[in-house]
Amino acid sequence: MLCRYIYFINFVILNTTIMTKTNDLLVKDIVIKTMAKDGMDYLCLTDIARQKNALDPNGVIANWMRNRNTVELLGLWENLHNPHFNPLEFEGVRKEAGLNAFTLSPTRWIESTNAIGIITHAGRYGGTFAQTDIAFEFASWVSVEFRLYLVMEFQRLKSKEQELLGWTAKRELSRINYHIHTDAVKSHLIPEEITSSQASIIYAEEADVLNVAMFGITAKQWRDTHTGLKGNIRDYASINELICLSNMENINAVLINDGMPQGERLIKLNQIAIQQMQVLEGNSDRKLLK
């Protein structure tokens, strides 16, 4: 039952951790705002347009949108990604596109076709935003060189977000598994009517079983030798070490349930830590705890 519960917690954490914060991009000294909506990334066309005309970026967007090729691109994107797109209104817009008198604003496009690929925000930090596929096409129309730099910077941002997402998920997984671990300690190691002070000592000792098995030192020993650092030893662990700790916490909880003495658990957990880190790091030089 415990293993099933641990598996469920791991599954929920790894599948529901979502990055919600967005970041600005800096491309050739121009700040490009980004945002996320309904699982899609958007870039600010207003900021991109400043590469072509810093004084009238909205005019640049208007000129691009009145182009027949642009209208067809926008319609194709909506047909592929928007189940609520209005194809009848789109046909009307498409027939007018290319005529001398034809104009198309972002607001008109959104309201008439129920489009989602382009969105507008009012206010000082607002502007016209477009989903990345569309934004990259607009950037190409503004400047092919600028588009290449924009794509490169956006890929760098997404790579950074994925690294942070992996770290956050593994840190949260380790934290929640530790709660499962301390529940097992409370159920099987704490005698009845024990004081809260005694209970806290037992918790600390069990945490140090994992610390010694993984790092070779206790939490206090780490703090005494790293007085200038904030946080604890696990805050400075690598992704691989956090993965290994997560597994060890699960195993230790099961071993506690089985009544294995702490000394035996320490040796077994240390062996597991070394074996798993050898697989993760490809290093077989570490020695087993005797």
C-alpha atoms as a PDB file:
ATOM      1  CA  MET A   1       0.000   0.000   0.000  1.00  0.00           C
ATOM      2  CA  LEU A   2       2.852   2.361   0.882  1.00  0.00           C
ATOM      3  CA  CYS A   3       4.561   1.743  -2.470  1.00  0.00           C
ATOM      4  CA  ARG A   4       1.327   2.501  -4.326  1.00  0.00           C
ATOM      5  CA  TYR A   5       0.931   5.744  -2.387  1.00  0.00           C
ATOM      6  CA  ILE A   6       4.508   6.759  -3.122  1.00  0.00           C
ATOM      7  CA  TYR A   7       4.013   6.015  -6.825  1.00  0.00           C
ATOM      8  CA  PHE A   8       0.851   8.126  -6.877  1.00  0.00           C
ATOM      9  CA  ILE A   9       2.575  11.094  -5.224  1.00  0.00           C
ATOM     10  CA  ASN A  10       5.500  10.862  -7.664  1.00  0.00           C
ATOM     11  CA  PHE A  11       3.131  10.721 -10.645  1.00  0.00           C
ATOM     12  CA  VAL A  12       1.133  13.748  -9.497  1.00  0.00           C
ATOM     13  CA  ILE A  13       4.194  15.886  -8.808  1.00  0.00           C
ATOM     14  CA  LEU A  14       5.933  15.096 -12.086  1.00  0.00           C
ATOM     15  CA  ASN A  15       2.793  15.660 -14.166  1.00  0.00           C
ATOM     16  CA  THR A  16       1.275  18.747 -12.525  1.00  0.00           C
ATOM     17  CA  THR A  17       4.302  20.979 -11.971  1.00  0.00           C
ATOM     18  CA  ILE A  18       3.755  23.821 -14.431  1.00  0.00           C
ATOM     19  CA  MET A  19       5.873  26.824 -15.231  1.00  0.00           C
ATOM     20  CA  THR A  20       3.634  29.911 -15.049  1.00  0.00           C
ATOM     21  CA  LYS A  21       6.195  32.678 -14.959  1.00  0.00           C
ATOM     22  CA  THR A  22       7.118  34.307 -18.264  1.00  0.00           C
ATOM     23  CA  ASN A  23      10.332  36.180 -19.093  1.00  0.00           C
ATOM     24  CA  ASP A  24      11.319  38.954 -21.432  1.00  0.00           C
ATOM     25  CA  LEU A  25      13.689  38.325 -24.319  1.00  0.00           C
ATOM     26  CA  LEU A  26      16.506  40.678 -25.231  1.00  0.00           C
ATOM     27  CA  VAL A  27      17.146  40.607 -28.983  1.00  0.00           C
ATOM     28  CA  LYS A  28      19.583  43.086 -30.526  1.00  0.00           C
ATOM     29  CA  ASP A  29      19.011  45.553 -27.655  1.00  0.00           C
ATOM     30  CA  ILE A  30      15.211  45.312 -28.009  1.00  0.00           C
ATOM     31  CA  VAL A  31      13.185  43.867 -25.136  1.00  0.00           C
ATOM     32  CA  ILE A  32      10.506  41.443 -26.376  1.00  0.00           C
ATOM     33  CA  LYS A  33       7.746  40.689 -23.877  1.00  0.00           C
ATOM     34  CA  THR A  34       6.449  37.128 -23.648  1.00  0.00           C
ATOM     35  CA  MET A  35       3.338  35.599 -22.153  1.00  0.00           C
ATOM     36  CA  ALA A  36       1.630  32.214 -21.879  1.00  0.00           C
ATOM     37  CA  LYS A  37      -2.072  31.502 -22.358  1.00  0.00           C
ATOM     38  CA  ASP A  38      -3.897  28.161 -22.499  1.00  0.00           C
ATOM     39  CA  GLY A  39      -0.635  26.271 -22.792  1.00  0.00           C
ATOM     40  CA  MET A  40       0.715  28.354 -25.708  1.00  0.00           C
ATOM     41  CA  ASP A  41       3.591  30.847 -25.772  1.00  0.00           C
ATOM     42  CA  TYR A  42       3.089  34.321 -27.210  1.00  0.00           C
ATOM     43  CA  LEU A  43       5.577  37.026 -28.229  1.00  0.00           C
ATOM     44  CA  CYS A  44       4.841  40.742 -28.401  1.00  0.00           C
ATOM     45  CA  LEU A  45       4.506  41.881 -32.028  1.00  0.00           C
ATOM     46  CA  THR A  46       4.557  45.504 -30.875  1.00  0.00           C
ATOM     47  CA  ASP A  47       8.058  45.044 -29.484  1.00  0.00           C
ATOM     48  CA  ILE A  48       9.243  43.164 -32.585  1.00  0.00           C
ATOM     49  CA  ALA A  49       7.854  45.927 -34.831  1.00  0.00           C
ATOM     50  CA  ARG A  50      10.107  48.461 -33.102  1.00  0.00           C
ATOM     51  CA  GLN A  51      13.014  46.844 -34.951  1.00  0.00           C
ATOM     52  CA  LYS A  52      11.521  48.342 -38.141  1.00  0.00           C
ATOM     53  CA  ASN A  53       9.932  51.531 -36.801  1.00  0.00           C
ATOM     54  CA  ALA A  54      10.461  52.482 -33.166  1.00  0.00           C
ATOM     55  CA  LEU A  55       8.079  55.445 -33.381  1.00  0.00           C
ATOM     56  CA  ASP A  56       5.098  53.677 -34.970  1.00  0.00           C
ATOM     57  CA  PRO A  57       5.149  49.924 -34.257  1.00  0.00           C
ATOM     58  CA  ASN A  58       1.363  49.655 -34.628  1.00  0.00           C
ATOM     59  CA  GLY A  59       1.648  50.977 -38.169  1.00  0.00           C
ATOM     60  CA  VAL A  60       4.168  48.233 -38.965  1.00  0.00           C
ATOM     61  CA  ILE A  61       1.737  45.573 -37.681  1.00  0.00           C
ATOM     62  CA  ALA A  62      -1.134  47.097 -39.687  1.00  0.00           C
ATOM     63  CA  ASN A  63       0.913  47.026 -42.905  1.00  0.00           C
ATOM     64  CA  TRP A  64       1.821  43.391 -42.326  1.00  0.00           C
ATOM     65  CA  MET A  65      -1.766  42.342 -41.592  1.00  0.00           C
ATOM     66  CA  ARG A  66      -3.188  43.921 -44.755  1.00  0.00           C
ATOM     67  CA  ASN A  67      -0.968  41.648 -46.838  1.00  0.00           C
ATOM     68  CA  ARG A  68      -2.866  38.789 -48.497  1.00  0.00           C
ATOM     69  CA  ASN A  69      -0.145  36.255 -47.639  1.00  0.00           C
ATOM     70  CA  THR A  70      -0.413  37.265 -43.986  1.00  0.00           C
ATOM     71  CA  VAL A  71      -4.184  36.796 -43.961  1.00  0.00           C
ATOM     72  CA  GLU A  72      -3.838  33.330 -45.478  1.00  0.00           C
ATOM     73  CA  LEU A  73      -1.161  32.424 -42.933  1.00  0.00           C
ATOM     74  CA  LEU A  74      -3.347  33.576 -40.039  1.00  0.00           C
ATOM     75  CA  GLY A  75      -6.345  31.671 -41.403  1.00  0.00           C
ATOM     76  CA  LEU A  76      -4.354  28.474 -41.871  1.00  0.00           C
ATOM     77  CA  TRP A  77      -2.945  28.654 -38.338  1.00  0.00           C
ATOM     78  CA  GLU A  78      -6.428  29.170 -36.843  1.00  0.00           C
ATOM     79  CA  ASN A  79      -7.864  26.267 -38.843  1.00  0.00           C
ATOM     80  CA  LEU A  80      -5.141  24.021 -37.456  1.00  0.00           C
ATOM     81  CA  HIS A  81      -5.269  25.133 -33.813  1.00  0.00           C
ATOM     82  CA  ASN A  82      -8.616  26.811 -33.106  1.00  0.00           C
ATOM     83  CA  PRO A  83     -11.801  24.689 -33.127  1.00  0.00           C
ATOM     84  CA  HIS A  84     -13.907  27.844 -32.600  1.00  0.00           C
ATOM     85  CA  PHE A  85     -12.487  29.745 -35.567  1.00  0.00           C
ATOM     86  CA  ASN A  86     -15.137  31.372 -37.780  1.00  0.00           C
ATOM     87  CA  PRO A  87     -14.367  30.238 -41.372  1.00  0.00           C
ATOM     88  CA  LEU A  88     -17.208  32.228 -42.952  1.00  0.00           C
ATOM     89  CA  GLU A  89     -15.950  35.535 -41.610  1.00  0.00           C
ATOM     90  CA  PHE A  90     -12.421  34.535 -42.595  1.00  0.00           C
ATOM     91  CA  GLU A  91     -13.510  34.029 -46.224  1.00  0.00           C
ATOM     92  CA  GLY A  92     -14.887  37.554 -46.262  1.00  0.00           C
ATOM     93  CA  VAL A  93     -11.622  38.961 -44.948  1.00  0.00           C
ATOM     94  CA  ARG A  94      -9.558  36.862 -47.354  1.00  0.00           C
ATOM     95  CA  LYS A  95     -11.491  38.109 -50.405  1.00  0.00           C
ATOM     96  CA  GLU A  96     -10.801  41.721 -49.426  1.00  0.00           C
ATOM     97  CA  ALA A  97      -7.118  41.143 -48.673  1.00  0.00           C
ATOM     98  CA  GLY A  98      -4.760  42.722 -51.189  1.00  0.00           C
ATOM     99  CA  LEU A  99      -7.153  45.442 -52.312  1.00  0.00           C
ATOM    100  CA  ASN A 100      -5.872  49.013 -52.098  1.00  0.00           C
ATOM    101  CA  ALA A 101      -8.542  50.039 -49.618  1.00  0.00           C
ATOM    102  CA  PHE A 102      -8.180  46.942 -47.434  1.00  0.00           C
ATOM    103  CA  THR A 103      -7.115  47.395 -43.812  1.00  0.00           C
ATOM    104  CA  LEU A 104      -7.068  44.882 -40.998  1.00  0.00           C
ATOM    105  CA  SER A 105      -6.338  45.631 -37.352  1.00  0.00           C
ATOM    106  CA  PRO A 106      -5.594  42.968 -34.721  1.00  0.00           C
ATOM    107  CA  THR A 107      -8.820  43.860 -32.914  1.00  0.00           C
ATOM    108  CA  ARG A 108     -10.953  43.489 -36.037  1.00  0.00           C
ATOM    109  CA  TRP A 109      -9.301  40.152 -36.866  1.00  0.00           C
ATOM    110  CA  ILE A 110      -9.912  38.775 -33.376  1.00  0.00           C
ATOM    111  CA  GLU A 111     -13.516  39.971 -33.062  1.00  0.00           C
ATOM    112  CA  SER A 112     -14.655  38.962 -36.537  1.00  0.00           C
ATOM    113  CA  THR A 113     -13.063  35.493 -36.724  1.00  0.00           C
ATOM    114  CA  ASN A 114     -12.826  34.535 -33.042  1.00  0.00           C
ATOM    115  CA  ALA A 115      -9.062  34.144 -33.532  1.00  0.00           C
ATOM    116  CA  ILE A 116      -6.719  33.043 -30.739  1.00  0.00           C
ATOM    117  CA  GLY A 117      -3.363  33.228 -32.533  1.00  0.00           C
ATOM    118  CA  ILE A 118      -3.240  36.982 -31.994  1.00  0.00           C
ATOM    119  CA  ILE A 119      -4.316  38.699 -28.773  1.00  0.00           C
ATOM    120  CA  THR A 120      -4.207  42.306 -27.603  1.00  0.00           C
ATOM    121  CA  HIS A 121      -3.606  43.837 -24.188  1.00  0.00           C
ATOM    122  CA  ALA A 122      -4.217  47.460 -23.297  1.00  0.00           C
ATOM    123  CA  GLY A 123      -2.130  49.477 -20.882  1.00  0.00           C
ATOM    124  CA  ARG A 124       1.450  50.546 -20.407  1.00  0.00           C
ATOM    125  CA  TYR A 125       2.836  46.999 -20.551  1.00  0.00           C
ATOM    126  CA  GLY A 126       0.341  45.769 -23.129  1.00  0.00           C
ATOM    127  CA  GLY A 127       0.504  45.486 -26.890  1.00  0.00           C
ATOM    128  CA  THR A 128      -0.312  43.016 -29.634  1.00  0.00           C
ATOM    129  CA  PHE A 129       0.883  39.473 -28.961  1.00  0.00           C
ATOM    130  CA  ALA A 130       1.029  36.508 -31.336  1.00  0.00           C
ATOM    131  CA  GLN A 131       1.595  32.800 -30.856  1.00  0.00           C
ATOM    132  CA  THR A 132       5.230  31.960 -31.550  1.00  0.00           C
ATOM    133  CA  ASP A 133       4.632  30.419 -35.013  1.00  0.00           C
ATOM    134  CA  ILE A 134       2.937  33.621 -36.140  1.00  0.00           C
ATOM    135  CA  ALA A 135       5.378  35.887 -34.287  1.00  0.00           C
ATOM    136  CA  PHE A 136       8.362  34.260 -36.006  1.00  0.00           C
ATOM    137  CA  GLU A 137       6.730  34.826 -39.429  1.00  0.00           C
ATOM    138  CA  PHE A 138       6.133  38.469 -38.537  1.00  0.00           C
ATOM    139  CA  ALA A 139       9.743  38.810 -37.397  1.00  0.00           C
ATOM    140  CA  SER A 140      10.870  37.338 -40.730  1.00  0.00           C
ATOM    141  CA  TRP A 141       8.819  39.976 -42.570  1.00  0.00           C
ATOM    142  CA  VAL A 142      10.432  42.693 -40.429  1.00  0.00           C
ATOM    143  CA  SER A 143      13.994  41.339 -40.773  1.00  0.00           C
ATOM    144  CA  VAL A 144      15.297  37.856 -41.570  1.00  0.00           C
ATOM    145  CA  GLU A 145      18.359  38.531 -39.436  1.00  0.00           C
ATOM    146  CA  PHE A 146      16.213  39.672 -36.509  1.00  0.00           C
ATOM    147  CA  ARG A 147      14.077  36.513 -36.802  1.00  0.00           C
ATOM    148  CA  LEU A 148      17.145  34.286 -36.504  1.00  0.00           C
ATOM    149  CA  TYR A 149      18.286  36.073 -33.357  1.00  0.00           C
ATOM    150  CA  LEU A 150      14.739  35.970 -31.946  1.00  0.00           C
ATOM    151  CA  VAL A 151      14.380  32.218 -32.482  1.00  0.00           C
ATOM    152  CA  MET A 152      17.787  31.582 -30.931  1.00  0.00           C
ATOM    153  CA  GLU A 153      16.961  33.651 -27.843  1.00  0.00           C
ATOM    154  CA  PHE A 154      13.523  32.048 -27.461  1.00  0.00           C
ATOM    155  CA  GLN A 155      15.042  28.548 -27.630  1.00  0.00           C
ATOM    156  CA  ARG A 156      17.560  29.563 -24.971  1.00  0.00           C
ATOM    157  CA  LEU A 157      14.729  30.764 -22.724  1.00  0.00           C
ATOM    158  CA  LYS A 158      12.712  27.549 -23.133  1.00  0.00           C
ATOM    159  CA  SER A 159      15.801  25.434 -22.435  1.00  0.00           C
ATOM    160  CA  LYS A 160      16.416  27.408 -19.236  1.00  0.00           C
ATOM    161  CA  GLU A 161      12.771  26.963 -18.187  1.00  0.00           C
ATOM    162  CA  GLN A 162      12.970  23.198 -18.743  1.00  0.00           C
ATOM    163  CA  GLU A 163      16.092  22.959 -16.591  1.00  0.00           C
ATOM    164  CA  LEU A 164      14.381  24.923 -13.818  1.00  0.00           C
ATOM    165  CA  LEU A 165      11.240  22.804 -14.165  1.00  0.00           C
ATOM    166  CA  GLY A 166      13.257  19.601 -13.741  1.00  0.00           C
ATOM    167  CA  TRP A 167      15.016  20.968 -10.660  1.00  0.00           C
ATOM    168  CA  THR A 168      11.756  22.194  -9.081  1.00  0.00           C
ATOM    169  CA  ALA A 169       9.964  18.894  -9.703  1.00  0.00           C
ATOM    170  CA  LYS A 170      12.785  16.811  -8.224  1.00  0.00           C
ATOM    171  CA  ARG A 171      13.136  19.112  -5.182  1.00  0.00           C
ATOM    172  CA  GLU A 172       9.387  18.972  -4.548  1.00  0.00           C
ATOM    173  CA  LEU A 173       9.388  15.202  -5.036  1.00  0.00           C
ATOM    174  CA  SER A 174      12.155  14.836  -2.459  1.00  0.00           C
ATOM    175  CA  ARG A 175      10.287  17.090  -0.003  1.00  0.00           C
ATOM    176  CA  ILE A 176       6.990  15.174  -0.254  1.00  0.00           C
ATOM    177  CA  ASN A 177       8.689  11.792  -0.043  1.00  0.00           C
ATOM    178  CA  TYR A 178      10.375  13.003   3.131  1.00  0.00           C
ATOM    179  CA  HIS A 179       6.913  13.578   4.672  1.00  0.00           C
ATOM    180  CA  ILE A 180       6.048   9.961   3.809  1.00  0.00           C
ATOM    181  CA  HIS A 181       9.344   8.891   5.350  1.00  0.00           C
ATOM    182  CA  THR A 182       8.753  10.806   8.628  1.00  0.00           C
ATOM    183  CA  ASP A 183       5.241   9.346   8.879  1.00  0.00           C
ATOM    184  CA  ALA A 184       6.826   5.871   8.874  1.00  0.00           C
ATOM    185  CA  VAL A 185       9.291   6.979  11.558  1.00  0.00           C
ATOM    186  CA  LYS A 186       6.462   8.275  13.745  1.00  0.00           C
ATOM    187  CA  SER A 187       4.468   5.052  13.369  1.00  0.00           C
ATOM    188  CA  HIS A 188       7.276   2.556  14.006  1.00  0.00           C
ATOM    189  CA  LEU A 189      10.089   4.207  15.994  1.00  0.00           C
ATOM    190  CA  ILE A 190       8.420   6.570  18.444  1.00  0.00           C
ATOM    191  CA  PRO A 191       7.207   4.937  21.670  1.00  0.00           C
ATOM    192  CA  GLU A 192       3.887   5.952  23.202  1.00  0.00           C
ATOM    193  CA  GLU A 193       3.674   9.196  25.205  1.00  0.00           C
ATOM    194  CA  ILE A 194       6.989  10.448  23.870  1.00  0.00           C
ATOM    195  CA  THR A 195       7.617  14.186  24.201  1.00  0.00           C
ATOM    196  CA  SER A 196       7.726  16.448  21.146  1.00  0.00           C
ATOM    197  CA  SER A 197      11.397  17.169  21.897  1.00  0.00           C
ATOM    198  CA  GLN A 198      12.280  13.473  21.806  1.00  0.00           C
ATOM    199  CA  ALA A 199      10.254  13.031  18.615  1.00  0.00           C
ATOM    200  CA  SER A 200      12.161  15.799  16.902  1.00  0.00           C
ATOM    201  CA  ILE A 201      15.455  14.128  17.803  1.00  0.00           C
ATOM    202  CA  ILE A 202      14.309  10.877  16.232  1.00  0.00           C
ATOM    203  CA  TYR A 203      13.290  12.719  13.074  1.00  0.00           C
ATOM    204  CA  ALA A 204      16.659  14.407  12.882  1.00  0.00           C
ATOM    205  CA  GLU A 205      18.496  11.117  13.306  1.00  0.00           C
ATOM    206  CA  GLU A 206      16.478   9.490  10.512  1.00  0.00           C
ATOM    207  CA  ALA A 207      17.173  12.455   8.225  1.00  0.00           C
ATOM    208  CA  ASP A 208      20.867  12.067   9.006  1.00  0.00           C
ATOM    209  CA  VAL A 209      20.707   8.363   8.144  1.00  0.00           C
ATOM    210  CA  LEU A 210      19.929   9.474   4.593  1.00  0.00           C
ATOM    211  CA  ASN A 211      22.448  12.321   4.700  1.00  0.00           C
ATOM    212  CA  VAL A 212      25.282  10.029   5.834  1.00  0.00           C
ATOM    213  CA  ALA A 213      24.300   7.318   3.334  1.00  0.00           C
ATOM    214  CA  MET A 214      24.227   9.859   0.495  1.00  0.00           C
ATOM    215  CA  PHE A 215      26.765  12.566   1.442  1.00  0.00           C
ATOM    216  CA  GLY A 216      28.847  10.936   4.175  1.00  0.00           C
ATOM    217  CA  ILE A 217      28.082  13.673   6.738  1.00  0.00           C
ATOM    218  CA  THR A 218      25.193  14.804   8.928  1.00  0.00           C
ATOM    219  CA  ALA A 219      23.246  18.025   8.401  1.00  0.00           C
ATOM    220  CA  LYS A 220      25.038  19.668  11.362  1.00  0.00           C
ATOM    221  CA  GLN A 221      28.458  18.648  10.082  1.00  0.00           C
ATOM    222  CA  TRP A 222      27.612  20.223   6.708  1.00  0.00           C
ATOM    223  CA  ARG A 223      26.419  23.469   8.354  1.00  0.00           C
ATOM    224  CA  ASP A 224      29.550  23.643  10.520  1.00  0.00           C
ATOM    225  CA  THR A 225      31.779  23.420   7.437  1.00  0.00           C
ATOM    226  CA  HIS A 226      29.642  25.717   5.216  1.00  0.00           C
ATOM    227  CA  THR A 227      28.908  28.635   7.541  1.00  0.00           C
ATOM    228  CA  GLY A 228      28.676  31.112   4.684  1.00  0.00           C
ATOM    229  CA  LEU A 229      25.917  29.264   2.833  1.00  0.00           C
ATOM    230  CA  LYS A 230      22.176  29.524   3.409  1.00  0.00           C
ATOM    231  CA  GLY A 231      19.778  26.585   3.442  1.00  0.00           C
ATOM    232  CA  ASN A 232      20.718  22.958   3.994  1.00  0.00           C
ATOM    233  CA  ILE A 233      22.806  20.253   2.358  1.00  0.00           C
ATOM    234  CA  ARG A 234      19.981  19.146   0.037  1.00  0.00           C
ATOM    235  CA  ASP A 235      19.546  22.651  -1.380  1.00  0.00           C
ATOM    236  CA  TYR A 236      23.009  22.272  -2.922  1.00  0.00           C
ATOM    237  CA  ALA A 237      22.542  18.722  -4.180  1.00  0.00           C
ATOM    238  CA  SER A 238      22.672  17.878  -7.880  1.00  0.00           C
ATOM    239  CA  ILE A 239      19.666  16.610  -9.834  1.00  0.00           C
ATOM    240  CA  ASN A 240      21.083  13.073  -9.727  1.00  0.00           C
ATOM    241  CA  GLU A 241      21.607  13.263  -5.966  1.00  0.00           C
ATOM    242  CA  LEU A 242      18.013  14.445  -5.472  1.00  0.00           C
ATOM    243  CA  ILE A 243      16.708  11.584  -7.605  1.00  0.00           C
ATOM    244  CA  CYS A 244      18.768   9.130  -5.550  1.00  0.00           C
ATOM    245  CA  LEU A 245      17.584  10.705  -2.265  1.00  0.00           C
ATOM    246  CA  SER A 246      13.982  10.411  -3.399  1.00  0.00           C
ATOM    247  CA  ASN A 247      14.429   6.687  -4.017  1.00  0.00           C
ATOM    248  CA  MET A 248      16.257   6.199  -0.722  1.00  0.00           C
ATOM    249  CA  GLU A 249      13.485   7.915   1.250  1.00  0.00           C
ATOM    250  CA  ASN A 250      10.942   5.517  -0.211  1.00  0.00           C
ATOM    251  CA  ILE A 251      13.120   2.491   0.526  1.00  0.00           C
ATOM    252  CA  ASN A 252      13.934   3.679   4.053  1.00  0.00           C
ATOM    253  CA  ALA A 253      10.234   4.039   4.860  1.00  0.00           C
ATOM    254  CA  VAL A 254       9.665   0.423   3.790  1.00  0.00           C
ATOM    255  CA  LEU A 255      12.676  -0.782   5.795  1.00  0.00           C
ATOM    256  CA  ILE A 256      11.383   1.029   8.867  1.00  0.00           C
ATOM    257  CA  ASN A 257       8.024  -0.671   8.415  1.00  0.00           C
ATOM    258  CA  ASP A 258       9.879  -3.999   8.283  1.00  0.00           C
ATOM    259  CA  GLY A 259      11.542  -3.247  11.622  1.00  0.00           C
ATOM    260  CA  MET A 260      15.145  -3.198  10.362  1.00  0.00           C
ATOM    261  CA  PRO A 261      17.545  -1.583  12.887  1.00  0.00           C
ATOM    262  CA  GLN A 262      18.939   1.816  12.014  1.00  0.00           C
ATOM    263  CA  GLY A 263      22.536   0.637  11.662  1.00  0.00           C
ATOM    264  CA  GLU A 264      21.596  -2.044   9.153  1.00  0.00           C
ATOM    265  CA  ARG A 265      19.456   0.415   7.232  1.00  0.00           C
ATOM    266  CA  LEU A 266      22.349   2.877   7.011  1.00  0.00           C
ATOM    267  CA  ILE A 267      24.645   0.306   5.404  1.00  0.00           C
ATOM    268  CA  LYS A 268      21.931  -0.897   3.003  1.00  0.00           C
ATOM    269  CA  LEU A 269      20.964   2.646   2.016  1.00  0.00           C
ATOM    270  CA  ASN A 270      24.597   3.565   1.454  1.00  0.00           C
ATOM    271  CA  GLN A 271      25.019   0.571  -0.853  1.00  0.00           C
ATOM    272  CA  ILE A 272      21.893   1.596  -2.758  1.00  0.00           C
ATOM    273  CA  ALA A 273      23.110   5.208  -2.981  1.00  0.00           C
ATOM    274  CA  ILE A 274      26.471   4.177  -4.432  1.00  0.00           C
ATOM    275  CA  GLN A 275      24.917   1.743  -6.916  1.00  0.00           C
ATOM    276  CA  GLN A 276      22.363   4.294  -8.135  1.00  0.00           C
ATOM    277  CA  MET A 277      24.881   7.136  -8.367  1.00  0.00           C
ATOM    278  CA  GLN A 278      27.220   4.864 -10.328  1.00  0.00           C
ATOM    279  CA  VAL A 279      24.439   4.365 -12.844  1.00  0.00           C
ATOM    280  CA  LEU A 280      23.478   8.057 -12.918  1.00  0.00           C
ATOM    281  CA  GLU A 281      27.005   9.441 -12.967  1.00  0.00           C
ATOM    282  CA  GLY A 282      28.855   6.536 -14.611  1.00  0.00           C
ATOM    283  CA  ASN A 283      31.371   6.544 -11.748  1.00  0.00           C
ATOM    284  CA  SER A 284      32.410   3.345  -9.944  1.00  0.00           C
ATOM    285  CA  ASP A 285      35.205   4.817  -7.781  1.00  0.00           C
ATOM    286  CA  ARG A 286      33.196   5.450  -4.593  1.00  0.00           C
ATOM    287  CA  LYS A 287      33.652   2.939  -1.791  1.00  0.00           C
ATOM    288  CA  LEU A 288      30.876   1.237   0.173  1.00  0.00           C
ATOM    289  CA  LEU A 289      30.295   2.286   3.777  1.00  0.00           C
ATOM    290  CA  LYS A 290      31.759  -0.334   6.110  1.00  0.00           C
END
